[in-house]
Amino acid sequence: GEFQVKLTGLEMNTTYYYCAYTIIDGLYYFGSIESFTTKFVQTYKVGDLFPDQQNPIGVVWYVESSGIHGKIVSLDQGYMKWDVNGAFSSSANCRSLEDGSYNSLPSGQPFGIWVREHGYGWYGPARRELANLCDNLSKVNLTLQQNGYTRIEGFYWSSTQYMSDTAYIVCVTESGYMGYSPGWYG
């Protein structure tokens, strides 16, 4: 009959061989030897250019222990208002402090436009994401500097609103900026 086995702990880009068997009345019956090869998946560490050195779109600032999933910052920076009207859109759904991908920036406003122009998968970081970026900023800035990009330091808009008329900014810096400490928000 058919059967399934879930395998864990396999290495990438490795061929594994297996043979199914059954025991009936004390006799062993073996199937044919089969094989499969696991795929190679690119892994990253903090400070790596993403997706690679030849075609970078960002720098890795956070990565899970597997090295496969993580977060990147854009190679470019911009100076803009969150909202051109001077009052933030009350229709925006920007309440997540932890994950900016849950925050829906107003579509017609400068910050939202800038983020969307980067393409699929990009989002404005939430307040705590920007604060956490400070923990690995020295590695990110080293990569940016070595590759001719602008270092990250200063006050950055988060995608998190405090109230309908107020959004958070975060001081993203390695050690301090204009008297503010890394991760300060207001």
Protein backbone atom coordinates (compact mmCIF):
# COMPACT_ATOMS: atom_id res chain seq x y z
CA GLY A 1 0.00 0.00 0.00
CA GLU A 2 0.91 3.66 -0.10
CA PHE A 3 2.71 5.32 2.78
CA GLN A 4 4.37 8.62 3.64
CA VAL A 5 7.30 9.49 5.88
CA LYS A 6 8.13 13.02 6.99
CA LEU A 7 11.88 13.61 7.03
CA THR A 8 13.58 16.38 8.99
CA GLY A 9 17.16 17.54 9.43
CA LEU A 10 18.15 17.00 5.81
CA GLU A 11 21.10 18.85 4.28
CA MET A 12 20.67 21.11 1.25
CA ASN A 13 21.83 19.94 -2.18
CA THR A 14 22.29 16.34 -0.98
CA THR A 15 21.13 13.08 -2.57
CA TYR A 16 19.40 10.62 -0.24
CA TYR A 17 18.64 6.97 -1.01
CA TYR A 18 15.87 4.92 0.49
CA CYS A 19 14.24 1.54 0.17
CA ALA A 20 10.81 0.59 1.42
CA TYR A 21 10.19 -2.84 2.87
CA THR A 22 7.53 -4.82 4.66
CA ILE A 23 7.56 -7.90 6.85
CA ILE A 24 4.91 -10.55 6.26
CA ASP A 25 4.95 -13.77 8.29
CA GLY A 26 8.56 -13.10 9.26
CA LEU A 27 9.73 -12.65 5.66
CA TYR A 28 11.21 -9.36 4.44
CA TYR A 29 10.05 -7.96 1.10
CA PHE A 30 12.11 -5.07 -0.27
CA GLY A 31 11.09 -2.48 -2.83
CA SER A 32 13.49 -0.95 -5.29
CA ILE A 33 16.12 1.54 -4.15
CA GLU A 34 14.96 5.07 -4.88
CA SER A 35 16.56 8.48 -4.39
CA PHE A 36 15.83 12.17 -4.19
CA THR A 37 18.03 15.26 -4.05
CA THR A 38 17.25 18.20 -1.81
CA LYS A 39 17.40 21.63 -3.37
CA PHE A 40 20.01 24.25 -2.74
CA VAL A 41 18.58 27.29 -0.98
CA GLN A 42 20.65 30.43 -0.66
CA THR A 43 21.41 31.32 2.96
CA TYR A 44 22.34 34.74 4.29
CA LYS A 45 23.88 36.44 7.29
CA VAL A 46 23.48 39.98 8.61
CA GLY A 47 25.33 42.43 6.37
CA ASP A 48 25.01 40.39 3.15
CA LEU A 49 23.78 42.08 -0.01
CA PHE A 50 20.44 40.64 -1.13
CA PRO A 51 19.85 38.73 -3.34
CA ASP A 52 23.52 38.73 -4.38
CA GLN A 53 26.57 40.91 -4.98
CA GLN A 54 25.80 41.39 -8.70
CA ASN A 55 22.13 42.44 -8.42
CA PRO A 56 21.61 43.88 -4.95
CA ILE A 57 18.32 45.45 -3.89
CA GLY A 58 19.00 45.56 -0.16
CA VAL A 59 21.17 44.58 2.79
CA VAL A 60 20.20 41.83 5.23
CA TRP A 61 19.71 43.28 8.72
CA TYR A 62 17.91 40.33 10.35
CA VAL A 63 17.96 36.63 9.55
CA GLU A 64 16.51 33.57 11.27
CA SER A 65 18.91 30.88 12.49
CA SER A 66 18.34 28.87 9.29
CA GLY A 67 19.82 31.73 7.26
CA ILE A 68 16.93 31.44 4.81
CA HIS A 69 14.27 33.86 6.06
CA GLY A 70 14.94 37.39 7.21
CA LYS A 71 14.56 41.10 6.53
CA ILE A 72 16.44 43.58 4.37
CA VAL A 73 16.74 47.35 4.14
CA SER A 74 16.59 49.19 0.85
CA LEU A 75 19.79 50.48 -0.74
CA ASP A 76 18.24 53.90 -1.26
CA GLN A 77 16.87 56.49 1.11
CA GLY A 78 14.46 59.33 0.56
CA TYR A 79 13.39 62.49 2.32
CA MET A 80 9.64 62.97 2.31
CA LYS A 81 6.55 63.73 4.31
CA TRP A 82 4.39 60.93 5.61
CA ASP A 83 1.37 62.91 4.38
CA VAL A 84 1.36 66.04 2.19
CA ASN A 85 -1.65 67.48 4.01
CA GLY A 86 0.27 67.81 7.28
CA ALA A 87 -2.24 65.57 9.06
CA PHE A 88 -1.93 61.83 8.76
CA SER A 89 -4.69 59.93 7.04
CA SER A 90 -7.31 58.68 9.48
CA SER A 91 -8.21 55.95 6.97
CA ALA A 92 -4.78 54.29 7.21
CA ASN A 93 -4.55 51.00 9.04
CA CYS A 94 -1.08 51.37 10.57
CA ARG A 95 -1.30 50.01 14.11
CA SER A 96 1.27 47.20 14.20
CA LEU A 97 4.32 48.07 16.29
CA GLU A 98 6.11 44.79 15.46
CA ASP A 99 5.58 44.03 11.76
CA GLY A 100 5.21 46.77 9.16
CA SER A 101 3.85 44.32 6.58
CA TYR A 102 0.56 44.51 8.50
CA ASN A 103 0.42 48.30 8.19
CA SER A 104 -1.51 49.62 5.17
CA LEU A 105 0.01 52.96 4.27
CA PRO A 106 -2.22 55.57 2.59
CA SER A 107 -1.90 54.98 -1.15
CA GLY A 108 -1.68 58.60 -2.29
CA GLN A 109 0.84 59.91 0.24
CA PRO A 110 4.62 60.31 -0.25
CA PHE A 111 5.81 57.65 2.21
CA GLY A 112 3.33 55.07 0.92
CA ILE A 113 4.17 55.87 -2.71
CA TRP A 114 7.91 55.57 -2.06
CA VAL A 115 7.48 52.16 -0.44
CA ARG A 116 5.18 50.83 -3.20
CA GLU A 117 7.58 51.99 -5.93
CA HIS A 118 10.11 49.47 -4.59
CA GLY A 119 7.84 46.63 -5.73
CA TYR A 120 6.25 43.49 -4.38
CA GLY A 121 7.19 42.47 -0.84
CA TRP A 122 8.46 45.87 0.30
CA TYR A 123 6.79 47.65 3.18
CA GLY A 124 7.45 50.51 5.56
CA PRO A 125 9.00 49.13 8.74
CA ALA A 126 7.05 49.20 11.99
CA ARG A 127 8.37 51.20 14.93
CA ARG A 128 10.03 48.24 16.68
CA GLU A 129 11.54 46.94 13.44
CA LEU A 130 13.38 50.24 13.03
CA ALA A 131 14.49 50.14 16.67
CA ASN A 132 15.72 46.55 16.23
CA LEU A 133 17.64 47.55 13.10
CA CYS A 134 19.94 49.54 15.39
CA ASP A 135 21.24 46.26 16.89
CA ASN A 136 22.83 45.26 13.57
CA LEU A 137 23.32 48.68 12.03
CA SER A 138 27.13 48.63 12.15
CA LYS A 139 27.25 45.54 9.89
CA VAL A 140 24.61 46.99 7.55
CA ASN A 141 26.40 50.34 7.33
CA LEU A 142 29.74 48.66 6.67
CA THR A 143 28.21 46.83 3.69
CA LEU A 144 26.52 50.00 2.44
CA GLN A 145 29.72 52.01 2.72
CA GLN A 146 31.90 49.35 1.05
CA ASN A 147 29.52 49.24 -1.90
CA GLY A 148 29.11 52.99 -2.41
CA TYR A 149 25.68 53.44 -0.80
CA THR A 150 24.61 55.99 1.80
CA ARG A 151 24.99 54.88 5.42
CA ILE A 152 21.84 54.74 7.54
CA GLU A 153 21.72 57.27 10.36
CA GLY A 154 19.07 59.69 11.45
CA PHE A 155 15.34 59.87 12.00
CA TYR A 156 13.16 57.57 9.89
CA TRP A 157 9.42 57.32 9.49
CA SER A 158 7.91 54.11 10.73
CA SER A 159 4.72 52.73 9.25
CA THR A 160 3.17 52.74 12.73
CA GLN A 161 0.68 55.40 13.72
CA TYR A 162 0.34 56.50 17.31
CA MET A 163 -3.10 58.00 16.58
CA SER A 164 -4.90 58.87 13.35
CA ASP A 165 -3.03 62.18 13.19
CA THR A 166 0.38 61.05 14.48
CA ALA A 167 2.98 58.58 13.16
CA TYR A 168 6.13 57.44 14.93
CA ILE A 169 9.65 58.37 13.88
CA VAL A 170 12.61 56.35 15.13
CA CYS A 171 16.23 57.38 15.61
CA VAL A 172 18.21 54.78 13.68
CA THR A 173 21.86 55.10 14.63
CA GLU A 174 24.80 52.98 15.73
CA SER A 175 25.66 54.92 18.88
CA GLY A 176 23.80 58.23 18.96
CA TYR A 177 22.53 60.98 16.70
CA MET A 178 22.01 64.63 17.65
CA GLY A 179 21.86 63.59 21.30
CA TYR A 180 19.29 60.82 20.74
CA SER A 181 20.05 57.20 21.52
CA PRO A 182 19.55 54.26 19.12
CA GLY A 183 15.91 53.22 18.91
CA TRP A 184 14.51 56.44 20.42
CA TYR A 185 11.04 57.10 19.06
CA GLY A 186 8.68 60.01 19.13
